[in-house]
Protein backbone atom coordinates (compact mmCIF):
# COMPACT_ATOMS: atom_id res chain seq x y z
CA UNK A 1 36.08 46.11 31.75
CA UNK A 2 39.42 47.16 34.49
CA UNK A 3 39.17 45.34 37.93
CA UNK A 4 41.33 47.42 40.48
CA UNK A 5 43.83 45.20 42.11
CA UNK A 6 45.53 45.66 45.57
CA UNK A 7 49.23 45.56 46.29
CA UNK A 8 49.63 41.80 47.36
CA UNK A 9 47.98 41.30 43.32
CA UNK A 10 44.63 40.06 44.24
CA UNK A 11 41.30 41.54 43.28
CA UNK A 12 39.99 43.88 45.40
CA UNK A 13 36.60 43.02 47.18
CA UNK A 14 33.21 44.17 45.21
CA UNK A 15 32.03 47.96 45.54
CA UNK A 16 28.71 48.03 47.22
CA UNK A 17 26.03 50.17 48.58
CA UNK A 18 25.29 49.62 52.19
CA UNK A 19 22.76 50.88 54.57
CA UNK A 20 23.52 52.36 58.50
CA UNK A 21 23.57 48.85 59.39
CA UNK A 22 26.30 47.74 57.21
CA UNK A 23 24.28 45.70 54.97
CA UNK A 24 24.75 45.53 51.58
CA UNK A 25 21.80 46.85 49.71
CA UNK A 26 23.57 46.51 46.24
CA UNK A 27 27.09 44.67 44.88
CA UNK A 28 28.88 45.44 42.15
CA UNK A 29 31.48 43.37 40.23
CA UNK A 30 33.70 45.86 37.97
CA UNK A 31 34.97 49.20 38.51
CA UNK A 32 34.93 51.39 35.29
CA UNK A 33 35.52 55.23 37.08
CA UNK A 34 34.75 58.03 39.26
CA UNK A 35 35.10 61.34 39.86
CA UNK A 36 34.97 62.93 43.90
CA UNK A 37 34.19 66.68 44.16
CA UNK A 38 35.02 68.20 47.66
CA UNK A 39 34.78 72.00 47.44
CA UNK A 40 35.32 74.71 50.39
CA UNK A 41 34.23 78.26 49.56
CA UNK A 42 36.34 80.85 50.88
CA UNK A 43 36.13 84.86 50.56
CA UNK A 44 38.24 86.72 47.84
CA UNK A 45 37.48 89.64 50.53
CA UNK A 46 41.13 91.00 52.34
CA UNK A 47 41.10 89.94 55.64
CA UNK A 48 43.17 91.72 58.56
CA UNK A 49 46.35 89.99 59.22
CA UNK A 50 46.14 86.95 61.62
CA UNK A 51 42.01 87.23 61.45
CA UNK A 52 41.31 83.86 59.01
CA UNK A 53 38.67 82.24 60.85
CA UNK A 54 35.82 79.16 60.55
CA UNK A 55 33.44 81.66 59.24
CA UNK A 56 35.91 82.52 56.05
CA UNK A 57 35.77 78.91 54.67
CA UNK A 58 32.72 76.27 54.73
CA UNK A 59 33.20 73.26 53.25
CA UNK A 60 30.74 71.92 50.69
CA UNK A 61 29.11 68.30 50.92
CA UNK A 62 31.01 65.84 48.99
CA UNK A 63 29.24 64.70 45.38
CA UNK A 64 30.82 61.72 44.02
CA UNK A 65 29.76 59.98 40.32
CA UNK A 66 30.81 56.58 40.03
CA UNK A 67 30.17 54.17 36.73
CA UNK A 68 30.16 50.83 37.97
CA UNK A 69 29.34 47.43 36.79
CA UNK A 70 27.54 44.34 37.88
CA UNK A 71 27.65 41.14 35.93
CA UNK A 72 24.88 38.51 37.01
CA UNK A 73 22.22 36.58 35.38
CA UNK A 74 19.16 39.25 34.36
CA UNK A 75 16.87 38.86 37.84
CA UNK A 76 20.02 39.75 39.29
CA UNK A 77 20.42 42.79 37.04
CA UNK A 78 16.69 43.62 37.60
CA UNK A 79 16.86 43.59 41.33
CA UNK A 80 19.97 45.75 41.50
CA UNK A 81 18.19 48.85 39.56
CA UNK A 82 15.00 48.01 41.68
CA UNK A 83 17.22 49.09 44.76
CA UNK A 84 18.77 51.57 43.13
CA UNK A 85 15.53 52.68 42.17
CA UNK A 86 14.21 52.68 45.52
CA UNK A 87 17.29 54.41 46.85
CA UNK A 88 16.56 57.73 44.41
CA UNK A 89 13.29 57.82 46.05
CA UNK A 90 13.80 57.46 49.24
CA UNK A 91 15.53 59.43 52.48
CA UNK A 92 17.69 56.56 53.54
CA UNK A 93 21.55 57.49 54.33
CA UNK A 94 23.65 54.92 52.65
CA UNK A 95 27.34 54.49 52.80
CA UNK A 96 29.19 53.65 49.31
CA UNK A 97 31.99 51.26 50.11
CA UNK A 98 35.04 51.35 48.37
CA UNK A 99 38.66 49.85 48.49
CA UNK A 100 39.95 52.57 49.95
CA UNK A 101 37.68 54.21 51.96
CA UNK A 102 34.02 54.22 53.05
CA UNK A 103 31.85 57.09 52.34
CA UNK A 104 29.40 58.07 54.75
CA UNK A 105 25.68 59.68 55.53
CA UNK A 106 25.67 59.84 51.45
CA UNK A 107 21.69 59.63 49.45
CA UNK A 108 21.42 58.63 45.78
CA UNK A 109 20.56 61.81 43.92
CA UNK A 110 20.55 60.55 40.30
CA UNK A 111 21.78 57.55 38.43
CA UNK A 112 21.39 56.10 34.44
CA UNK A 113 22.32 52.71 33.61
CA UNK A 114 22.93 51.16 29.78
CA UNK A 115 23.40 47.53 28.46
CA UNK A 116 26.42 47.10 25.99
CA UNK A 117 26.26 45.65 22.92
CA UNK A 118 27.11 41.74 23.79
CA UNK A 119 26.53 41.72 27.37
CA UNK A 120 23.04 43.07 27.19
CA UNK A 121 21.98 39.74 29.23
CA UNK A 122 24.35 39.69 31.61
CA UNK A 123 26.20 42.93 32.56
CA UNK A 124 24.63 46.17 33.57
CA UNK A 125 26.78 49.22 33.42
CA UNK A 126 25.65 52.12 35.88
CA UNK A 127 26.28 56.19 36.64
CA UNK A 128 25.65 56.64 40.30
CA UNK A 129 25.42 59.81 41.72
CA UNK A 130 26.13 60.22 45.43
CA UNK A 131 25.80 63.52 47.48
CA UNK A 132 27.22 63.45 51.74
CA UNK A 133 23.97 64.72 53.30
CA UNK A 134 25.18 66.80 56.91
CA UNK A 135 23.14 66.55 59.58
CA UNK A 136 23.17 69.01 63.10
CA UNK A 137 21.36 67.78 66.28
CA UNK A 138 19.67 70.76 67.79
CA UNK A 139 20.12 71.19 71.68
CA UNK A 140 17.56 73.53 73.53
CA UNK A 141 17.83 74.82 76.76
CA UNK A 142 15.48 76.93 78.75
CA UNK A 143 16.83 80.68 79.60
CA UNK A 144 15.71 82.65 82.29
CA UNK A 145 16.25 86.11 80.88
CA UNK A 146 15.82 89.04 83.78
CA UNK A 147 14.62 92.46 82.50
CA UNK A 148 16.98 94.90 83.15
CA UNK A 149 15.63 97.76 85.06
CA UNK A 150 16.34 101.54 84.99
CA UNK A 151 19.08 101.55 87.98
CA UNK A 152 21.00 98.80 85.80
CA UNK A 153 20.79 100.25 82.63
CA UNK A 154 23.33 102.51 81.44
CA UNK A 155 21.05 104.51 79.31
CA UNK A 156 17.14 105.25 80.52
CA UNK A 157 16.22 103.92 76.97
CA UNK A 158 18.47 100.38 77.37
CA UNK A 159 15.62 99.91 80.44
CA UNK A 160 13.54 96.57 79.54
CA UNK A 161 9.46 98.15 79.09
CA UNK A 162 6.21 96.71 79.12
CA UNK A 163 5.71 96.36 75.60
CA UNK A 164 1.93 98.46 75.43
CA UNK A 165 1.79 97.94 71.57
CA UNK A 166 0.67 100.23 69.57
CA UNK A 167 -0.87 103.07 70.51
CA UNK A 168 -2.51 105.98 69.11
CA UNK A 169 -1.80 108.86 71.36
CA UNK A 170 -5.47 110.88 69.90
CA UNK A 171 -9.05 109.90 68.68
CA UNK A 172 -7.46 111.39 65.23
CA UNK A 173 -9.93 112.70 62.49
CA UNK A 174 -10.89 110.79 58.77
CA UNK A 175 -8.77 113.81 56.93
CA UNK A 176 -6.11 110.69 56.09
CA UNK A 177 -8.56 108.32 55.13
CA UNK A 178 -8.33 108.40 51.44
CA UNK A 179 -9.55 105.46 49.62
CA UNK A 180 -12.34 104.47 46.87
CA UNK A 181 -14.69 103.19 48.82
CA UNK A 182 -14.51 105.78 51.60
CA UNK A 183 -14.51 108.58 49.39
CA UNK A 184 -17.89 106.87 48.21
CA UNK A 185 -19.08 105.98 51.75
CA UNK A 186 -18.74 109.65 52.23
CA UNK A 187 -20.93 111.39 49.12
CA UNK A 188 -23.44 109.09 50.14
CA UNK A 189 -23.57 109.99 53.58
CA UNK A 190 -23.35 105.95 54.73
């Protein structure tokens, strides 16, 4: 298993999953590989020159898959699997800390693990899939909307009116009623 080394030749610190307070939830001793997917969706339609704006490009949440290993006693490995299972089944937001960057506001989407021959009791190899969660704070304000008078409106039809709901201008007749139940009721004279 390969380990990462920093520029001074010393081994990097452990890779870990941490809670929002920065407390380590699970630490790993060996990095085996990862993929990071960071995408943006853009329009493929022609745009007027100079009109490329933020709504023409949207970014997707970051998606990280990493393979890590943990060396330890059977109890430590069991505890690591229990932490992964808890993170998979809850909505807790976590940070994935690497030697190069801390990825915040992540959730553990799925994981799988294996024990390799000869190391089944001391080394856990786990694939972890993390997805970035983006949250936005809602803001609400009270706005006093004044009705538009016919004097202020450009056209009389633009003026505010009182909503009277649906009205029927006449009493109407039964000639438009056409259902089997209505026809039977009519035949029976009910």
